């Protein structure tokens, strides 16, 4: 039973593995080029584990940014995880000792998998395996990238686009596998409006708050209609 659960989780995370190994590799290289070696790459991927924020952190470290700047930047970059967490409150109930790690390891890609759990598998066991495997992929990519960066001359031009490409891939996959496109269209529309109104520097928080409010209203309306 356990081997079957592991096989299911592993096969489901293979697409994430391909992306995380490449993204982590790029992060490790960029970190090494900024003067921070293997230990930094491994520690950041183990204890921060925040994909895009780790890329941003390279610039913060290199520029000697203060604690307040780092905290605000982290909040802005990772604000979307507040809403991921809220949506998983019921799903993670009863997870016991697994729960703290499940919360910590809830990345974008992990979230996309644990919100579509296959039928007939242990929910919390599946979520834990997916979370652990995804982080292992990221750590492995980061470590290998750091080693490669220390040994090989690498041209980093364009490497920061890989995160954008991954988010686009996730969006397309969700669009193709989900019949209800209202949340996706809501996210796109609200984000575009907030970008125009507030500008690229501060649009993230207003857009996330507006998206959460609209989806909450739409969700309540849908449940009321189904009940009636």
C-alpha atoms as a PDB file:
ATOM      1  CA  UNK A   1       0.000   0.000   0.000  1.00  0.00           C
ATOM      2  CA  UNK A   2       2.792   2.397   0.941  1.00  0.00           C
ATOM      3  CA  UNK A   3       4.742   1.553  -2.216  1.00  0.00           C
ATOM      4  CA  UNK A   4       1.629   2.195  -4.293  1.00  0.00           C
ATOM      5  CA  UNK A   5       1.126   5.566  -2.600  1.00  0.00           C
ATOM      6  CA  UNK A   6       4.752   6.510  -3.198  1.00  0.00           C
ATOM      7  CA  UNK A   7       4.512   5.464  -6.850  1.00  0.00           C
ATOM      8  CA  UNK A   8       1.394   7.582  -7.326  1.00  0.00           C
ATOM      9  CA  UNK A   9       2.975  10.609  -5.664  1.00  0.00           C
ATOM     10  CA  UNK A  10       6.224  10.211  -7.588  1.00  0.00           C
ATOM     11  CA  UNK A  11       4.543   9.915 -10.977  1.00  0.00           C
ATOM     12  CA  UNK A  12       2.376  12.939 -10.233  1.00  0.00           C
ATOM     13  CA  UNK A  13       5.436  14.996  -9.287  1.00  0.00           C
ATOM     14  CA  UNK A  14       7.520  14.121 -12.360  1.00  0.00           C
ATOM     15  CA  UNK A  15       6.463  17.326 -14.191  1.00  0.00           C
ATOM     16  CA  UNK A  16       7.402  19.326 -11.094  1.00  0.00           C
ATOM     17  CA  UNK A  17      10.717  17.480 -10.916  1.00  0.00           C
ATOM     18  CA  UNK A  18      11.677  18.545 -14.431  1.00  0.00           C
ATOM     19  CA  UNK A  19      10.849  22.153 -13.644  1.00  0.00           C
ATOM     20  CA  UNK A  20      12.375  22.260 -10.164  1.00  0.00           C
ATOM     21  CA  UNK A  21      15.635  20.627 -11.171  1.00  0.00           C
ATOM     22  CA  UNK A  22      16.080  23.226 -13.904  1.00  0.00           C
ATOM     23  CA  UNK A  23      14.893  26.177 -11.799  1.00  0.00           C
ATOM     24  CA  UNK A  24      16.921  25.064  -8.798  1.00  0.00           C
ATOM     25  CA  UNK A  25      19.944  24.613 -11.065  1.00  0.00           C
ATOM     26  CA  UNK A  26      19.571  28.186 -12.267  1.00  0.00           C
ATOM     27  CA  UNK A  27      19.223  29.454  -8.716  1.00  0.00           C
ATOM     28  CA  UNK A  28      22.333  27.595  -7.592  1.00  0.00           C
ATOM     29  CA  UNK A  29      24.348  29.026 -10.466  1.00  0.00           C
ATOM     30  CA  UNK A  30      23.113  32.578  -9.869  1.00  0.00           C
ATOM     31  CA  UNK A  31      23.830  32.321  -6.142  1.00  0.00           C
ATOM     32  CA  UNK A  32      27.326  31.005  -6.783  1.00  0.00           C
ATOM     33  CA  UNK A  33      28.017  33.806  -9.260  1.00  0.00           C
ATOM     34  CA  UNK A  34      26.939  36.305  -6.574  1.00  0.00           C
ATOM     35  CA  UNK A  35      29.614  34.918  -4.253  1.00  0.00           C
ATOM     36  CA  UNK A  36      27.534  32.571  -2.110  1.00  0.00           C
ATOM     37  CA  UNK A  37      28.571  28.931  -2.276  1.00  0.00           C
ATOM     38  CA  UNK A  38      27.179  25.456  -1.841  1.00  0.00           C
ATOM     39  CA  UNK A  39      26.257  25.764   1.850  1.00  0.00           C
ATOM     40  CA  UNK A  40      24.170  28.855   1.134  1.00  0.00           C
ATOM     41  CA  UNK A  41      22.387  27.131  -1.749  1.00  0.00           C
ATOM     42  CA  UNK A  42      21.550  24.063   0.324  1.00  0.00           C
ATOM     43  CA  UNK A  43      20.507  26.029   3.418  1.00  0.00           C
ATOM     44  CA  UNK A  44      18.270  28.448   1.518  1.00  0.00           C
ATOM     45  CA  UNK A  45      16.542  25.635  -0.341  1.00  0.00           C
ATOM     46  CA  UNK A  46      16.048  23.638   2.857  1.00  0.00           C
ATOM     47  CA  UNK A  47      14.914  26.404   5.207  1.00  0.00           C
ATOM     48  CA  UNK A  48      13.493  29.121   2.941  1.00  0.00           C
ATOM     49  CA  UNK A  49      12.249  27.010   0.018  1.00  0.00           C
ATOM     50  CA  UNK A  50      10.477  29.845  -1.754  1.00  0.00           C
ATOM     51  CA  UNK A  51      11.349  29.566  -5.445  1.00  0.00           C
ATOM     52  CA  UNK A  52      10.944  33.066  -6.850  1.00  0.00           C
ATOM     53  CA  UNK A  53      11.807  34.666  -3.501  1.00  0.00           C
ATOM     54  CA  UNK A  54      15.123  32.820  -3.452  1.00  0.00           C
ATOM     55  CA  UNK A  55      15.985  34.401  -6.793  1.00  0.00           C
ATOM     56  CA  UNK A  56      14.997  37.812  -5.420  1.00  0.00           C
ATOM     57  CA  UNK A  57      17.016  37.119  -2.260  1.00  0.00           C
ATOM     58  CA  UNK A  58      20.197  36.957  -4.323  1.00  0.00           C
ATOM     59  CA  UNK A  59      19.786  40.622  -5.179  1.00  0.00           C
ATOM     60  CA  UNK A  60      18.933  41.488  -1.585  1.00  0.00           C
ATOM     61  CA  UNK A  61      22.032  39.716  -0.302  1.00  0.00           C
ATOM     62  CA  UNK A  62      24.273  41.270  -2.936  1.00  0.00           C
ATOM     63  CA  UNK A  63      22.989  44.789  -2.287  1.00  0.00           C
ATOM     64  CA  UNK A  64      23.175  44.510   1.503  1.00  0.00           C
ATOM     65  CA  UNK A  65      19.456  45.253   1.897  1.00  0.00           C
ATOM     66  CA  UNK A  66      18.190  45.911   5.411  1.00  0.00           C
ATOM     67  CA  UNK A  67      15.920  43.628   7.416  1.00  0.00           C
ATOM     68  CA  UNK A  68      12.806  45.771   6.819  1.00  0.00           C
ATOM     69  CA  UNK A  69      13.376  45.850   3.069  1.00  0.00           C
ATOM     70  CA  UNK A  70      13.904  42.096   2.992  1.00  0.00           C
ATOM     71  CA  UNK A  71      10.762  41.486   5.072  1.00  0.00           C
ATOM     72  CA  UNK A  72       8.551  43.720   2.925  1.00  0.00           C
ATOM     73  CA  UNK A  73       9.917  42.270  -0.296  1.00  0.00           C
ATOM     74  CA  UNK A  74       9.332  38.734   0.949  1.00  0.00           C
ATOM     75  CA  UNK A  75       5.767  39.596   1.929  1.00  0.00           C
ATOM     76  CA  UNK A  76       5.002  41.118  -1.469  1.00  0.00           C
ATOM     77  CA  UNK A  77       6.550  38.295  -3.466  1.00  0.00           C
ATOM     78  CA  UNK A  78       4.912  35.528  -1.422  1.00  0.00           C
ATOM     79  CA  UNK A  79       1.587  37.161  -0.550  1.00  0.00           C
ATOM     80  CA  UNK A  80      -0.280  34.665  -2.724  1.00  0.00           C
ATOM     81  CA  UNK A  81       0.607  31.910  -0.233  1.00  0.00           C
ATOM     82  CA  UNK A  82      -1.729  33.488   2.316  1.00  0.00           C
ATOM     83  CA  UNK A  83      -4.620  32.522   0.078  1.00  0.00           C
ATOM     84  CA  UNK A  84      -3.189  29.099  -0.692  1.00  0.00           C
ATOM     85  CA  UNK A  85      -3.050  28.421   3.027  1.00  0.00           C
ATOM     86  CA  UNK A  86      -6.593  29.621   3.684  1.00  0.00           C
ATOM     87  CA  UNK A  87      -7.954  27.339   0.976  1.00  0.00           C
ATOM     88  CA  UNK A  88      -6.159  24.326   2.521  1.00  0.00           C
ATOM     89  CA  UNK A  89      -7.427  24.745   6.095  1.00  0.00           C
ATOM     90  CA  UNK A  90     -10.055  22.016   5.738  1.00  0.00           C
ATOM     91  CA  UNK A  91      -7.863  19.753   3.594  1.00  0.00           C
ATOM     92  CA  UNK A  92      -5.082  19.679   6.203  1.00  0.00           C
ATOM     93  CA  UNK A  93      -7.339  19.113   9.205  1.00  0.00           C
ATOM     94  CA  UNK A  94      -6.342  15.983  11.074  1.00  0.00           C
ATOM     95  CA  UNK A  95      -2.864  15.866   9.521  1.00  0.00           C
ATOM     96  CA  UNK A  96      -1.315  15.711  12.994  1.00  0.00           C
ATOM     97  CA  UNK A  97       2.474  15.949  13.095  1.00  0.00           C
ATOM     98  CA  UNK A  98       2.589  16.268   9.314  1.00  0.00           C
ATOM     99  CA  UNK A  99       0.737  19.580   9.357  1.00  0.00           C
ATOM    100  CA  UNK A 100       3.619  22.024  10.137  1.00  0.00           C
ATOM    101  CA  UNK A 101       5.696  20.675   7.268  1.00  0.00           C
ATOM    102  CA  UNK A 102       2.715  20.567   4.905  1.00  0.00           C
ATOM    103  CA  UNK A 103       2.140  24.258   5.601  1.00  0.00           C
ATOM    104  CA  UNK A 104       5.828  25.120   5.166  1.00  0.00           C
ATOM    105  CA  UNK A 105       6.172  23.192   1.885  1.00  0.00           C
ATOM    106  CA  UNK A 106       3.052  24.543   0.145  1.00  0.00           C
ATOM    107  CA  UNK A 107       4.619  25.959  -3.011  1.00  0.00           C
ATOM    108  CA  UNK A 108       2.713  26.865  -6.179  1.00  0.00           C
ATOM    109  CA  UNK A 109       3.399  23.544  -7.860  1.00  0.00           C
ATOM    110  CA  UNK A 110       2.733  21.489  -4.740  1.00  0.00           C
ATOM    111  CA  UNK A 111      -0.536  23.340  -4.257  1.00  0.00           C
ATOM    112  CA  UNK A 112      -1.639  22.452  -7.786  1.00  0.00           C
ATOM    113  CA  UNK A 113      -1.128  18.759  -6.972  1.00  0.00           C
ATOM    114  CA  UNK A 114      -2.558  18.547  -3.449  1.00  0.00           C
ATOM    115  CA  UNK A 115      -5.757  20.270  -4.564  1.00  0.00           C
ATOM    116  CA  UNK A 116      -6.386  17.454  -7.078  1.00  0.00           C
ATOM    117  CA  UNK A 117      -5.732  14.314  -5.029  1.00  0.00           C
ATOM    118  CA  UNK A 118      -6.340  11.007  -6.866  1.00  0.00           C
ATOM    119  CA  UNK A 119      -9.249   8.938  -5.641  1.00  0.00           C
ATOM    120  CA  UNK A 120      -8.554   6.021  -3.331  1.00  0.00           C
ATOM    121  CA  UNK A 121      -5.304   7.292  -1.787  1.00  0.00           C
ATOM    122  CA  UNK A 122      -4.554   8.419   1.753  1.00  0.00           C
ATOM    123  CA  UNK A 123      -5.005  12.206   1.606  1.00  0.00           C
ATOM    124  CA  UNK A 124      -2.440  13.296   4.176  1.00  0.00           C
ATOM    125  CA  UNK A 125       0.083  10.631   3.205  1.00  0.00           C
ATOM    126  CA  UNK A 126      -0.159  11.691  -0.431  1.00  0.00           C
ATOM    127  CA  UNK A 127       0.186  15.382   0.448  1.00  0.00           C
ATOM    128  CA  UNK A 128       3.265  14.666   2.586  1.00  0.00           C
ATOM    129  CA  UNK A 129       4.987  12.612  -0.112  1.00  0.00           C
ATOM    130  CA  UNK A 130       4.277  15.207  -2.794  1.00  0.00           C
ATOM    131  CA  UNK A 131       5.587  17.985  -0.530  1.00  0.00           C
ATOM    132  CA  UNK A 132       8.779  16.108   0.388  1.00  0.00           C
ATOM    133  CA  UNK A 133       9.520  14.994  -3.167  1.00  0.00           C
ATOM    134  CA  UNK A 134       9.025  18.483  -4.577  1.00  0.00           C
ATOM    135  CA  UNK A 135      11.388  20.003  -2.037  1.00  0.00           C
ATOM    136  CA  UNK A 136      13.980  17.296  -2.672  1.00  0.00           C
ATOM    137  CA  UNK A 137      13.897  18.145  -6.382  1.00  0.00           C
ATOM    138  CA  UNK A 138      14.443  21.813  -5.590  1.00  0.00           C
ATOM    139  CA  UNK A 139      17.285  21.155  -3.150  1.00  0.00           C
ATOM    140  CA  UNK A 140      18.982  18.775  -5.596  1.00  0.00           C
ATOM    141  CA  UNK A 141      18.763  21.285  -8.435  1.00  0.00           C
ATOM    142  CA  UNK A 142      20.125  24.081  -6.239  1.00  0.00           C
ATOM    143  CA  UNK A 143      23.074  22.033  -4.996  1.00  0.00           C
ATOM    144  CA  UNK A 144      24.014  20.767  -8.450  1.00  0.00           C
ATOM    145  CA  UNK A 145      23.665  24.292  -9.859  1.00  0.00           C
ATOM    146  CA  UNK A 146      25.934  25.704  -7.181  1.00  0.00           C
ATOM    147  CA  UNK A 147      28.555  23.055  -7.911  1.00  0.00           C
ATOM    148  CA  UNK A 148      28.308  23.706 -11.647  1.00  0.00           C
ATOM    149  CA  UNK A 149      28.573  27.448 -11.099  1.00  0.00           C
ATOM    150  CA  UNK A 150      31.786  27.006  -9.148  1.00  0.00           C
ATOM    151  CA  UNK A 151      33.363  24.777 -11.786  1.00  0.00           C
ATOM    152  CA  UNK A 152      32.039  26.024 -15.128  1.00  0.00           C
ATOM    153  CA  UNK A 153      31.857  29.460 -16.781  1.00  0.00           C
ATOM    154  CA  UNK A 154      28.135  30.081 -17.300  1.00  0.00           C
ATOM    155  CA  UNK A 155      26.252  32.794 -19.188  1.00  0.00           C
ATOM    156  CA  UNK A 156      23.270  33.791 -17.016  1.00  0.00           C
ATOM    157  CA  UNK A 157      21.503  35.943 -19.603  1.00  0.00           C
ATOM    158  CA  UNK A 158      17.765  35.156 -19.639  1.00  0.00           C
ATOM    159  CA  UNK A 159      17.881  32.700 -16.753  1.00  0.00           C
ATOM    160  CA  UNK A 160      15.396  34.752 -14.725  1.00  0.00           C
ATOM    161  CA  UNK A 161      12.677  34.032 -17.318  1.00  0.00           C
ATOM    162  CA  UNK A 162      12.393  30.384 -16.289  1.00  0.00           C
ATOM    163  CA  UNK A 163      10.078  31.264 -13.389  1.00  0.00           C
ATOM    164  CA  UNK A 164       7.731  33.156 -15.704  1.00  0.00           C
ATOM    165  CA  UNK A 165       7.713  30.208 -18.080  1.00  0.00           C
ATOM    166  CA  UNK A 166       6.866  27.803 -15.250  1.00  0.00           C
ATOM    167  CA  UNK A 167       3.954  29.934 -14.010  1.00  0.00           C
ATOM    168  CA  UNK A 168       2.561  30.133 -17.535  1.00  0.00           C
ATOM    169  CA  UNK A 169       2.824  26.351 -17.859  1.00  0.00           C
ATOM    170  CA  UNK A 170       0.981  25.826 -14.565  1.00  0.00           C
ATOM    171  CA  UNK A 171      -1.773  28.234 -15.624  1.00  0.00           C
ATOM    172  CA  UNK A 172      -2.248  26.495 -18.967  1.00  0.00           C
ATOM    173  CA  UNK A 173      -2.345  23.071 -17.302  1.00  0.00           C
ATOM    174  CA  UNK A 174      -4.953  24.239 -14.795  1.00  0.00           C
ATOM    175  CA  UNK A 175      -6.994  25.786 -17.603  1.00  0.00           C
ATOM    176  CA  UNK A 176      -6.979  22.561 -19.622  1.00  0.00           C
ATOM    177  CA  UNK A 177      -7.866  20.289 -16.704  1.00  0.00           C
ATOM    178  CA  UNK A 178     -10.572  22.468 -15.101  1.00  0.00           C
ATOM    179  CA  UNK A 179     -13.980  23.196 -16.604  1.00  0.00           C
ATOM    180  CA  UNK A 180     -14.674  26.236 -14.432  1.00  0.00           C
ATOM    181  CA  UNK A 181     -12.523  29.088 -15.767  1.00  0.00           C
ATOM    182  CA  UNK A 182     -14.117  31.838 -13.672  1.00  0.00           C
ATOM    183  CA  UNK A 183     -11.317  31.859 -11.009  1.00  0.00           C
ATOM    184  CA  UNK A 184      -8.627  32.050 -13.694  1.00  0.00           C
ATOM    185  CA  UNK A 185     -10.391  34.832 -15.590  1.00  0.00           C
ATOM    186  CA  UNK A 186     -11.037  36.677 -12.331  1.00  0.00           C
ATOM    187  CA  UNK A 187      -7.356  36.503 -11.460  1.00  0.00           C
ATOM    188  CA  UNK A 188      -6.256  37.743 -14.867  1.00  0.00           C
ATOM    189  CA  UNK A 189      -8.803  40.549 -15.022  1.00  0.00           C
ATOM    190  CA  UNK A 190      -8.292  41.867 -11.505  1.00  0.00           C
ATOM    191  CA  UNK A 191      -4.509  41.696 -11.796  1.00  0.00           C
ATOM    192  CA  UNK A 192      -4.561  43.629 -15.085  1.00  0.00           C
ATOM    193  CA  UNK A 193      -6.795  46.343 -13.623  1.00  0.00           C
ATOM    194  CA  UNK A 194      -4.677  46.677 -10.457  1.00  0.00           C
ATOM    195  CA  UNK A 195      -1.503  46.823 -12.528  1.00  0.00           C
ATOM    196  CA  UNK A 196      -2.920  49.757 -14.468  1.00  0.00           C
ATOM    197  CA  UNK A 197      -4.231  51.505 -11.354  1.00  0.00           C
ATOM    198  CA  UNK A 198      -1.361  50.993  -8.921  1.00  0.00           C
ATOM    199  CA  UNK A 199       1.671  50.361 -11.131  1.00  0.00           C
ATOM    200  CA  UNK A 200       4.142  47.458 -11.155  1.00  0.00           C
ATOM    201  CA  UNK A 201       5.663  48.243  -7.761  1.00  0.00           C
ATOM    202  CA  UNK A 202       2.619  47.879  -5.497  1.00  0.00           C
ATOM    203  CA  UNK A 203      -0.102  46.171  -7.565  1.00  0.00           C
ATOM    204  CA  UNK A 204       0.342  42.715  -5.997  1.00  0.00           C
ATOM    205  CA  UNK A 205      -1.321  43.251  -2.595  1.00  0.00           C
ATOM    206  CA  UNK A 206      -4.397  45.121  -3.934  1.00  0.00           C
ATOM    207  CA  UNK A 207      -4.891  42.524  -6.644  1.00  0.00           C
ATOM    208  CA  UNK A 208      -4.623  39.592  -4.209  1.00  0.00           C
ATOM    209  CA  UNK A 209      -7.086  41.202  -1.796  1.00  0.00           C
ATOM    210  CA  UNK A 210      -9.534  41.968  -4.609  1.00  0.00           C
ATOM    211  CA  UNK A 211      -9.240  38.458  -6.056  1.00  0.00           C
ATOM    212  CA  UNK A 212      -9.838  36.892  -2.634  1.00  0.00           C
ATOM    213  CA  UNK A 213     -12.894  39.091  -2.039  1.00  0.00           C
ATOM    214  CA  UNK A 214     -14.396  38.380  -5.465  1.00  0.00           C
ATOM    215  CA  UNK A 215     -13.819  34.633  -5.281  1.00  0.00           C
ATOM    216  CA  UNK A 216     -15.305  34.546  -1.779  1.00  0.00           C
ATOM    217  CA  UNK A 217     -18.430  36.342  -3.024  1.00  0.00           C
ATOM    218  CA  UNK A 218     -18.687  34.116  -6.099  1.00  0.00           C
ATOM    219  CA  UNK A 219     -18.183  30.995  -3.973  1.00  0.00           C
ATOM    220  CA  UNK A 220     -20.929  31.973  -1.540  1.00  0.00           C
ATOM    221  CA  UNK A 221     -23.262  32.836  -4.415  1.00  0.00           C
ATOM    222  CA  UNK A 222     -22.613  29.488  -6.093  1.00  0.00           C
ATOM    223  CA  UNK A 223     -23.211  27.536  -2.890  1.00  0.00           C
ATOM    224  CA  UNK A 224     -26.440  29.448  -2.254  1.00  0.00           C
ATOM    225  CA  UNK A 225     -27.701  28.698  -5.759  1.00  0.00           C
ATOM    226  CA  UNK A 226     -26.843  24.992  -5.419  1.00  0.00           C
ATOM    227  CA  UNK A 227     -28.596  24.857  -2.055  1.00  0.00           C
ATOM    228  CA  UNK A 228     -31.718  26.487  -3.475  1.00  0.00           C
END
